[in-house]
């Protein structure tokens, strides 16, 4: 019965397939790190808006939305304030 089955060997991998191994690994790491740079200000805004709800009970909120939070953080602390925690976000990716 087994002699009627076709042989099940994997197809050979072309030699050019693994030519850019290290370069491919570098680009695979740079993609998520670049995405973290663009999404980190929104993560900072999310955390600050969550904390303002815990800190102020019944008072007027400091931020109206995420873009308002990012803008106020940028004007008061600069780009370093909007990218706070970037190292941890890049290492997480």
PDB file of N, CA and C in Angstrom:
ATOM      1  N   UNK A   1       0.819  -1.190   0.000  1.00  0.00           N
ATOM      2  CA  UNK A   1       0.000   0.000   0.000  1.00  0.00           C
ATOM      3  C   UNK A   1       0.865   1.257   0.000  1.00  0.00           C
ATOM      4  N   UNK A   2       1.954   1.286   0.736  1.00  0.00           N
ATOM      5  CA  UNK A   2       2.796   2.468   0.824  1.00  0.00           C
ATOM      6  C   UNK A   2       3.571   2.748  -0.457  1.00  0.00           C
ATOM      7  N   UNK A   3       3.755   1.766  -1.293  1.00  0.00           N
ATOM      8  CA  UNK A   3       4.536   1.994  -2.508  1.00  0.00           C
ATOM      9  C   UNK A   3       3.785   2.832  -3.538  1.00  0.00           C
ATOM     10  N   UNK A   4       2.470   3.061  -3.354  1.00  0.00           N
ATOM     11  CA  UNK A   4       1.702   3.872  -4.299  1.00  0.00           C
ATOM     12  C   UNK A   4       1.750   5.362  -3.956  1.00  0.00           C
ATOM     13  N   UNK A   5       2.246   5.704  -2.774  1.00  0.00           N
ATOM     14  CA  UNK A   5       2.332   7.105  -2.382  1.00  0.00           C
ATOM     15  C   UNK A   5       3.533   7.768  -3.036  1.00  0.00           C
ATOM     16  N   UNK A   6       3.384   9.035  -3.442  1.00  0.00           N
ATOM     17  CA  UNK A   6       4.533   9.723  -4.039  1.00  0.00           C
ATOM     18  C   UNK A   6       5.578  10.033  -2.967  1.00  0.00           C
ATOM     19  N   UNK A   7       6.826  10.176  -3.360  1.00  0.00           N
ATOM     20  CA  UNK A   7       7.847  10.511  -2.361  1.00  0.00           C
ATOM     21  C   UNK A   7       7.598  11.908  -1.790  1.00  0.00           C
ATOM     22  N   UNK A   8       7.834  12.069  -0.509  1.00  0.00           N
ATOM     23  CA  UNK A   8       7.547  13.352   0.129  1.00  0.00           C
ATOM     24  C   UNK A   8       8.845  13.992   0.621  1.00  0.00           C
ATOM     25  N   UNK A   9       9.633  14.436  -0.319  1.00  0.00           N
ATOM     26  CA  UNK A   9      10.852  15.160  -0.008  1.00  0.00           C
ATOM     27  C   UNK A   9      10.605  16.649  -0.223  1.00  0.00           C
ATOM     28  N   UNK A  10      11.163  17.510   0.636  1.00  0.00           N
ATOM     29  CA  UNK A  10      10.977  18.948   0.414  1.00  0.00           C
ATOM     30  C   UNK A  10      11.756  19.405  -0.818  1.00  0.00           C
ATOM     31  N   UNK A  11      11.223  20.450  -1.445  1.00  0.00           N
ATOM     32  CA  UNK A  11      11.915  20.992  -2.615  1.00  0.00           C
ATOM     33  C   UNK A  11      13.167  21.712  -2.161  1.00  0.00           C
ATOM     34  N   UNK A  12      14.220  21.662  -2.970  1.00  0.00           N
ATOM     35  CA  UNK A  12      15.455  22.338  -2.566  1.00  0.00           C
ATOM     36  C   UNK A  12      15.269  23.856  -2.515  1.00  0.00           C
ATOM     37  N   UNK A  13      15.935  24.478  -1.565  1.00  0.00           N
ATOM     38  CA  UNK A  13      15.866  25.924  -1.403  1.00  0.00           C
ATOM     39  C   UNK A  13      16.875  26.566  -2.351  1.00  0.00           C
ATOM     40  N   UNK A  14      16.464  27.595  -3.106  1.00  0.00           N
ATOM     41  CA  UNK A  14      17.424  28.243  -4.006  1.00  0.00           C
ATOM     42  C   UNK A  14      18.574  28.875  -3.224  1.00  0.00           C
ATOM     43  N   UNK A  15      19.760  28.913  -3.851  1.00  0.00           N
ATOM     44  CA  UNK A  15      20.936  29.452  -3.172  1.00  0.00           C
ATOM     45  C   UNK A  15      20.794  30.943  -2.880  1.00  0.00           C
ATOM     46  N   UNK A  16      20.027  31.672  -3.675  1.00  0.00           N
ATOM     47  CA  UNK A  16      19.892  33.117  -3.472  1.00  0.00           C
ATOM     48  C   UNK A  16      18.911  33.446  -2.339  1.00  0.00           C
ATOM     49  N   UNK A  17      18.241  32.452  -1.806  1.00  0.00           N
ATOM     50  CA  UNK A  17      17.232  32.693  -0.777  1.00  0.00           C
ATOM     51  C   UNK A  17      17.838  33.240   0.508  1.00  0.00           C
ATOM     52  N   UNK A  18      18.973  32.742   0.927  1.00  0.00           N
ATOM     53  CA  UNK A  18      19.576  33.175   2.174  1.00  0.00           C
ATOM     54  C   UNK A  18      20.719  34.151   1.992  1.00  0.00           C
ATOM     55  N   UNK A  19      20.800  34.798   0.827  1.00  0.00           N
ATOM     56  CA  UNK A  19      21.938  35.669   0.539  1.00  0.00           C
ATOM     57  C   UNK A  19      21.974  36.887   1.451  1.00  0.00           C
ATOM     58  N   UNK A  20      20.845  37.456   1.823  1.00  0.00           N
ATOM     59  CA  UNK A  20      20.829  38.659   2.645  1.00  0.00           C
ATOM     60  C   UNK A  20      20.374  38.373   4.055  1.00  0.00           C
ATOM     61  N   UNK A  21      20.884  37.350   4.672  1.00  0.00           N
ATOM     62  CA  UNK A  21      20.428  36.939   5.994  1.00  0.00           C
ATOM     63  C   UNK A  21      20.570  38.016   7.052  1.00  0.00           C
ATOM     64  N   UNK A  22      21.767  38.556   7.231  1.00  0.00           N
ATOM     65  CA  UNK A  22      21.975  39.579   8.253  1.00  0.00           C
ATOM     66  C   UNK A  22      21.267  40.872   7.894  1.00  0.00           C
ATOM     67  N   UNK A  23      21.293  41.210   6.621  1.00  0.00           N
ATOM     68  CA  UNK A  23      20.608  42.424   6.184  1.00  0.00           C
ATOM     69  C   UNK A  23      19.095  42.294   6.385  1.00  0.00           C
ATOM     70  N   UNK A  24      18.571  41.133   6.091  1.00  0.00           N
ATOM     71  CA  UNK A  24      17.144  40.889   6.313  1.00  0.00           C
ATOM     72  C   UNK A  24      16.781  40.949   7.779  1.00  0.00           C
ATOM     73  N   UNK A  25      17.652  40.432   8.634  1.00  0.00           N
ATOM     74  CA  UNK A  25      17.395  40.489  10.073  1.00  0.00           C
ATOM     75  C   UNK A  25      17.446  41.930  10.572  1.00  0.00           C
ATOM     76  N   UNK A  26      18.358  42.719  10.017  1.00  0.00           N
ATOM     77  CA  UNK A  26      18.451  44.122  10.433  1.00  0.00           C
ATOM     78  C   UNK A  26      17.192  44.881  10.045  1.00  0.00           C
ATOM     79  N   UNK A  27      16.726  44.679   8.830  1.00  0.00           N
ATOM     80  CA  UNK A  27      15.509  45.364   8.389  1.00  0.00           C
ATOM     81  C   UNK A  27      14.275  44.864   9.142  1.00  0.00           C
ATOM     82  N   UNK A  28      14.272  43.600   9.517  1.00  0.00           N
ATOM     83  CA  UNK A  28      13.154  43.068  10.303  1.00  0.00           C
ATOM     84  C   UNK A  28      13.109  43.691  11.687  1.00  0.00           C
ATOM     85  N   UNK A  29      14.227  44.114  12.216  1.00  0.00           N
ATOM     86  CA  UNK A  29      14.255  44.786  13.506  1.00  0.00           C
ATOM     87  C   UNK A  29      13.995  46.276  13.402  1.00  0.00           C
ATOM     88  N   UNK A  30      14.401  46.885  12.277  1.00  0.00           N
ATOM     89  CA  UNK A  30      14.222  48.325  12.112  1.00  0.00           C
ATOM     90  C   UNK A  30      12.767  48.710  11.834  1.00  0.00           C
ATOM     91  N   UNK A  31      12.013  47.838  11.236  1.00  0.00           N
ATOM     92  CA  UNK A  31      10.610  48.137  10.932  1.00  0.00           C
ATOM     93  C   UNK A  31       9.782  48.403  12.181  1.00  0.00           C
ATOM     94  N   UNK A  32       9.748  47.468  13.117  1.00  0.00           N
ATOM     95  CA  UNK A  32       8.990  47.718  14.347  1.00  0.00           C
ATOM     96  C   UNK A  32       9.559  48.870  15.175  1.00  0.00           C
ATOM     97  N   UNK A  33      10.889  49.061  15.141  1.00  0.00           N
ATOM     98  CA  UNK A  33      11.483  50.165  15.899  1.00  0.00           C
ATOM     99  C   UNK A  33      11.037  51.505  15.315  1.00  0.00           C
ATOM    100  N   UNK A  34      10.966  51.594  13.987  1.00  0.00           N
ATOM    101  CA  UNK A  34      10.464  52.819  13.348  1.00  0.00           C
ATOM    102  C   UNK A  34       9.004  53.057  13.658  1.00  0.00           C
ATOM    103  N   UNK A  35       8.234  51.998  13.719  1.00  0.00           N
ATOM    104  CA  UNK A  35       6.819  52.147  14.062  1.00  0.00           C
ATOM    105  C   UNK A  35       6.653  52.623  15.497  1.00  0.00           C
ATOM    106  N   UNK A  36       7.555  52.191  16.391  1.00  0.00           N
ATOM    107  CA  UNK A  36       7.473  52.622  17.788  1.00  0.00           C
ATOM    108  C   UNK A  36       7.720  54.120  17.923  1.00  0.00           C
ATOM    109  N   UNK A  37       8.570  54.672  17.066  1.00  0.00           N
ATOM    110  CA  UNK A  37       8.845  56.115  17.107  1.00  0.00           C
ATOM    111  C   UNK A  37       7.588  56.912  16.780  1.00  0.00           C
ATOM    112  N   UNK A  38       6.788  56.422  15.846  1.00  0.00           N
ATOM    113  CA  UNK A  38       5.578  57.147  15.446  1.00  0.00           C
ATOM    114  C   UNK A  38       4.402  56.911  16.382  1.00  0.00           C
ATOM    115  N   UNK A  39       4.342  55.755  17.004  1.00  0.00           N
ATOM    116  CA  UNK A  39       3.197  55.461  17.873  1.00  0.00           C
ATOM    117  C   UNK A  39       3.443  55.810  19.334  1.00  0.00           C
ATOM    118  N   UNK A  40       4.696  56.053  19.715  1.00  0.00           N
ATOM    119  CA  UNK A  40       5.007  56.338  21.109  1.00  0.00           C
ATOM    120  C   UNK A  40       4.326  57.593  21.648  1.00  0.00           C
ATOM    121  N   UNK A  41       4.224  58.710  20.897  1.00  0.00           N
ATOM    122  CA  UNK A  41       3.508  59.861  21.450  1.00  0.00           C
ATOM    123  C   UNK A  41       2.055  59.544  21.819  1.00  0.00           C
ATOM    124  N   UNK A  42       1.408  58.688  21.068  1.00  0.00           N
ATOM    125  CA  UNK A  42       0.033  58.308  21.393  1.00  0.00           C
ATOM    126  C   UNK A  42      -0.013  57.426  22.639  1.00  0.00           C
ATOM    127  N   UNK A  43       1.019  56.617  22.832  1.00  0.00           N
ATOM    128  CA  UNK A  43       1.095  55.806  24.048  1.00  0.00           C
ATOM    129  C   UNK A  43       1.314  56.695  25.270  1.00  0.00           C
ATOM    130  N   UNK A  44       2.168  57.710  25.128  1.00  0.00           N
ATOM    131  CA  UNK A  44       2.395  58.665  26.218  1.00  0.00           C
ATOM    132  C   UNK A  44       1.103  59.401  26.542  1.00  0.00           C
ATOM    133  N   UNK A  45       0.388  59.841  25.497  1.00  0.00           N
ATOM    134  CA  UNK A  45      -0.875  60.556  25.701  1.00  0.00           C
ATOM    135  C   UNK A  45      -1.906  59.660  26.387  1.00  0.00           C
ATOM    136  N   UNK A  46      -1.962  58.396  26.000  1.00  0.00           N
ATOM    137  CA  UNK A  46      -2.916  57.462  26.613  1.00  0.00           C
ATOM    138  C   UNK A  46      -2.660  57.328  28.105  1.00  0.00           C
ATOM    139  N   UNK A  47      -1.391  57.174  28.472  1.00  0.00           N
ATOM    140  CA  UNK A  47      -1.050  57.003  29.885  1.00  0.00           C
ATOM    141  C   UNK A  47      -1.353  58.284  30.665  1.00  0.00           C
ATOM    142  N   UNK A  48      -1.012  59.448  30.098  1.00  0.00           N
ATOM    143  CA  UNK A  48      -1.271  60.707  30.803  1.00  0.00           C
ATOM    144  C   UNK A  48      -2.767  60.958  30.970  1.00  0.00           C
ATOM    145  N   UNK A  49      -3.549  60.594  29.970  1.00  0.00           N
ATOM    146  CA  UNK A  49      -4.995  60.791  30.087  1.00  0.00           C
ATOM    147  C   UNK A  49      -5.595  59.816  31.099  1.00  0.00           C
ATOM    148  N   UNK A  50      -5.042  58.615  31.183  1.00  0.00           N
ATOM    149  CA  UNK A  50      -5.517  57.670  32.199  1.00  0.00           C
ATOM    150  C   UNK A  50      -5.171  58.166  33.598  1.00  0.00           C
ATOM    151  N   UNK A  51      -3.977  58.721  33.747  1.00  0.00           N
ATOM    152  CA  UNK A  51      -3.560  59.202  35.059  1.00  0.00           C
ATOM    153  C   UNK A  51      -4.295  60.463  35.476  1.00  0.00           C
ATOM    154  N   UNK A  52      -4.708  61.301  34.526  1.00  0.00           N
ATOM    155  CA  UNK A  52      -5.443  62.512  34.909  1.00  0.00           C
ATOM    156  C   UNK A  52      -6.805  62.153  35.480  1.00  0.00           C
ATOM    157  N   UNK A  53      -7.384  61.067  35.039  1.00  0.00           N
ATOM    158  CA  UNK A  53      -8.663  60.633  35.580  1.00  0.00           C
ATOM    159  C   UNK A  53      -8.543  60.154  37.015  1.00  0.00           C
ATOM    160  N   UNK A  54      -7.400  59.547  37.349  1.00  0.00           N
ATOM    161  CA  UNK A  54      -7.187  59.074  38.716  1.00  0.00           C
ATOM    162  C   UNK A  54      -6.799  60.216  39.642  1.00  0.00           C
ATOM    163  N   UNK A  55      -6.048  61.194  39.117  1.00  0.00           N
ATOM    164  CA  UNK A  55      -5.539  62.273  39.962  1.00  0.00           C
ATOM    165  C   UNK A  55      -6.628  63.292  40.305  1.00  0.00           C
ATOM    166  N   UNK A  56      -7.470  63.614  39.357  1.00  0.00           N
ATOM    167  CA  UNK A  56      -8.504  64.630  39.569  1.00  0.00           C
ATOM    168  C   UNK A  56      -9.863  63.956  39.665  1.00  0.00           C
ATOM    169  N   UNK A  57     -10.467  64.074  40.802  1.00  0.00           N
ATOM    170  CA  UNK A  57     -11.802  63.507  40.945  1.00  0.00           C
ATOM    171  C   UNK A  57     -12.813  64.651  40.936  1.00  0.00           C
ATOM    172  N   UNK A  58     -13.513  64.793  39.840  1.00  0.00           N
ATOM    173  CA  UNK A  58     -14.551  65.818  39.731  1.00  0.00           C
ATOM    174  C   UNK A  58     -14.058  67.147  39.209  1.00  0.00           C
ATOM    175  N   UNK A  59     -12.756  67.382  39.158  1.00  0.00           N
ATOM    176  CA  UNK A  59     -12.232  68.655  38.673  1.00  0.00           C
ATOM    177  C   UNK A  59     -12.188  68.710  37.155  1.00  0.00           C
ATOM    178  N   UNK A  60     -11.749  69.842  36.640  1.00  0.00           N
ATOM    179  CA  UNK A  60     -11.639  69.991  35.183  1.00  0.00           C
ATOM    180  C   UNK A  60     -10.424  69.217  34.700  1.00  0.00           C
ATOM    181  N   UNK A  61     -10.582  68.522  33.620  1.00  0.00           N
ATOM    182  CA  UNK A  61      -9.509  67.699  33.089  1.00  0.00           C
ATOM    183  C   UNK A  61      -8.481  68.571  32.365  1.00  0.00           C
ATOM    184  N   UNK A  62      -7.218  68.158  32.444  1.00  0.00           N
ATOM    185  CA  UNK A  62      -6.138  68.926  31.830  1.00  0.00           C
ATOM    186  C   UNK A  62      -6.110  68.737  30.318  1.00  0.00           C
ATOM    187  N   UNK A  63      -6.542  67.588  29.834  1.00  0.00           N
ATOM    188  CA  UNK A  63      -6.488  67.280  28.398  1.00  0.00           C
ATOM    189  C   UNK A  63      -7.884  66.964  27.887  1.00  0.00           C
ATOM    190  N   UNK A  64      -8.174  67.464  26.674  1.00  0.00           N
ATOM    191  CA  UNK A  64      -9.489  67.213  26.066  1.00  0.00           C
ATOM    192  C   UNK A  64      -9.491  65.968  25.193  1.00  0.00           C
ATOM    193  N   UNK A  65      -8.327  65.575  24.720  1.00  0.00           N
ATOM    194  CA  UNK A  65      -8.213  64.408  23.858  1.00  0.00           C
ATOM    195  C   UNK A  65      -6.750  64.063  23.648  1.00  0.00           C
ATOM    196  N   UNK A  66      -6.503  63.053  22.837  1.00  0.00           N
ATOM    197  CA  UNK A  66      -5.120  62.609  22.663  1.00  0.00           C
ATOM    198  C   UNK A  66      -4.275  63.632  21.918  1.00  0.00           C
ATOM    199  N   UNK A  67      -4.833  64.279  20.872  1.00  0.00           N
ATOM    200  CA  UNK A  67      -4.054  65.282  20.149  1.00  0.00           C
ATOM    201  C   UNK A  67      -3.789  66.503  21.020  1.00  0.00           C
ATOM    202  N   UNK A  68      -4.749  66.885  21.852  1.00  0.00           N
ATOM    203  CA  UNK A  68      -4.549  67.993  22.782  1.00  0.00           C
ATOM    204  C   UNK A  68      -3.461  67.643  23.790  1.00  0.00           C
ATOM    205  N   UNK A  69      -3.454  66.414  24.248  1.00  0.00           N
ATOM    206  CA  UNK A  69      -2.441  65.968  25.205  1.00  0.00           C
ATOM    207  C   UNK A  69      -1.056  65.977  24.561  1.00  0.00           C
ATOM    208  N   UNK A  70      -0.962  65.480  23.332  1.00  0.00           N
ATOM    209  CA  UNK A  70       0.332  65.479  22.632  1.00  0.00           C
ATOM    210  C   UNK A  70       0.808  66.910  22.409  1.00  0.00           C
ATOM    211  N   UNK A  71      -0.089  67.810  22.012  1.00  0.00           N
ATOM    212  CA  UNK A  71       0.292  69.201  21.755  1.00  0.00           C
ATOM    213  C   UNK A  71       0.744  69.899  23.036  1.00  0.00           C
ATOM    214  N   UNK A  72       0.017  69.724  24.128  1.00  0.00           N
ATOM    215  CA  UNK A  72       0.402  70.357  25.397  1.00  0.00           C
ATOM    216  C   UNK A  72       1.703  69.777  25.935  1.00  0.00           C
ATOM    217  N   UNK A  73       1.908  68.487  25.750  1.00  0.00           N
ATOM    218  CA  UNK A  73       3.157  67.871  26.177  1.00  0.00           C
ATOM    219  C   UNK A  73       4.321  68.402  25.345  1.00  0.00           C
ATOM    220  N   UNK A  74       4.107  68.552  24.039  1.00  0.00           N
ATOM    221  CA  UNK A  74       5.157  69.058  23.158  1.00  0.00           C
ATOM    222  C   UNK A  74       5.504  70.507  23.485  1.00  0.00           C
ATOM    223  N   UNK A  75       4.497  71.344  23.743  1.00  0.00           N
ATOM    224  CA  UNK A  75       4.779  72.748  24.026  1.00  0.00           C
ATOM    225  C   UNK A  75       5.434  72.946  25.392  1.00  0.00           C
ATOM    226  N   UNK A  76       5.131  72.084  26.359  1.00  0.00           N
ATOM    227  CA  UNK A  76       5.715  72.267  27.689  1.00  0.00           C
ATOM    228  C   UNK A  76       7.038  71.518  27.876  1.00  0.00           C
ATOM    229  N   UNK A  77       7.179  70.322  27.275  1.00  0.00           N
ATOM    230  CA  UNK A  77       8.376  69.508  27.506  1.00  0.00           C
ATOM    231  C   UNK A  77       9.223  69.282  26.269  1.00  0.00           C
ATOM    232  N   UNK A  78       8.711  69.648  25.102  1.00  0.00           N
ATOM    233  CA  UNK A  78       9.460  69.434  23.868  1.00  0.00           C
ATOM    234  C   UNK A  78       9.299  68.022  23.342  1.00  0.00           C
ATOM    235  N   UNK A  79      10.131  67.701  22.351  1.00  0.00           N
ATOM    236  CA  UNK A  79      10.039  66.389  21.714  1.00  0.00           C
ATOM    237  C   UNK A  79      10.410  65.268  22.689  1.00  0.00           C
ATOM    238  N   UNK A  80      11.257  65.580  23.660  1.00  0.00           N
ATOM    239  CA  UNK A  80      11.638  64.559  24.646  1.00  0.00           C
ATOM    240  C   UNK A  80      10.439  64.138  25.497  1.00  0.00           C
ATOM    241  N   UNK A  81       9.514  65.054  25.735  1.00  0.00           N
ATOM    242  CA  UNK A  81       8.324  64.711  26.509  1.00  0.00           C
ATOM    243  C   UNK A  81       7.382  63.801  25.757  1.00  0.00           C
ATOM    244  N   UNK A  82       7.265  64.025  24.443  1.00  0.00           N
ATOM    245  CA  UNK A  82       6.371  63.167  23.653  1.00  0.00           C
ATOM    246  C   UNK A  82       6.977  61.799  23.391  1.00  0.00           C
ATOM    247  N   UNK A  83       8.303  61.699  23.473  1.00  0.00           N
ATOM    248  CA  UNK A  83       8.965  60.417  23.230  1.00  0.00           C
ATOM    249  C   UNK A  83       9.445  59.761  24.527  1.00  0.00           C
ATOM    250  N   UNK A  84       8.852  60.142  25.640  1.00  0.00           N
ATOM    251  CA  UNK A  84       9.246  59.564  26.929  1.00  0.00           C
ATOM    252  C   UNK A  84       8.943  58.068  26.915  1.00  0.00           C
ATOM    253  N   UNK A  85       9.936  57.269  27.309  1.00  0.00           N
ATOM    254  CA  UNK A  85       9.772  55.814  27.324  1.00  0.00           C
ATOM    255  C   UNK A  85      10.035  55.163  25.983  1.00  0.00           C
ATOM    256  N   UNK A  86      10.661  55.881  25.071  1.00  0.00           N
ATOM    257  CA  UNK A  86      10.907  55.323  23.733  1.00  0.00           C
ATOM    258  C   UNK A  86      11.882  54.144  23.786  1.00  0.00           C
ATOM    259  N   UNK A  87      12.868  54.219  24.652  1.00  0.00           N
ATOM    260  CA  UNK A  87      13.840  53.131  24.734  1.00  0.00           C
ATOM    261  C   UNK A  87      13.161  51.814  25.104  1.00  0.00           C
ATOM    262  N   UNK A  88      12.261  51.862  26.059  1.00  0.00           N
ATOM    263  CA  UNK A  88      11.553  50.646  26.462  1.00  0.00           C
ATOM    264  C   UNK A  88      10.647  50.138  25.340  1.00  0.00           C
ATOM    265  N   UNK A  89      10.029  51.066  24.607  1.00  0.00           N
ATOM    266  CA  UNK A  89       9.150  50.648  23.505  1.00  0.00           C
ATOM    267  C   UNK A  89       9.939  49.997  22.381  1.00  0.00           C
ATOM    268  N   UNK A  90      11.122  50.525  22.082  1.00  0.00           N
ATOM    269  CA  UNK A  90      11.949  49.927  21.020  1.00  0.00           C
ATOM    270  C   UNK A  90      12.474  48.572  21.459  1.00  0.00           C
ATOM    271  N   UNK A  91      12.892  48.456  22.705  1.00  0.00           N
ATOM    272  CA  UNK A  91      13.374  47.158  23.183  1.00  0.00           C
ATOM    273  C   UNK A  91      12.266  46.123  23.246  1.00  0.00           C
ATOM    274  N   UNK A  92      11.049  46.561  23.505  1.00  0.00           N
ATOM    275  CA  UNK A  92       9.907  45.652  23.547  1.00  0.00           C
ATOM    276  C   UNK A  92       9.652  45.078  22.156  1.00  0.00           C
ATOM    277  N   UNK A  93       9.860  45.884  21.135  1.00  0.00           N
ATOM    278  CA  UNK A  93       9.648  45.414  19.758  1.00  0.00           C
ATOM    279  C   UNK A  93      10.806  44.551  19.343  1.00  0.00           C
TER     280      UNK A  93
END
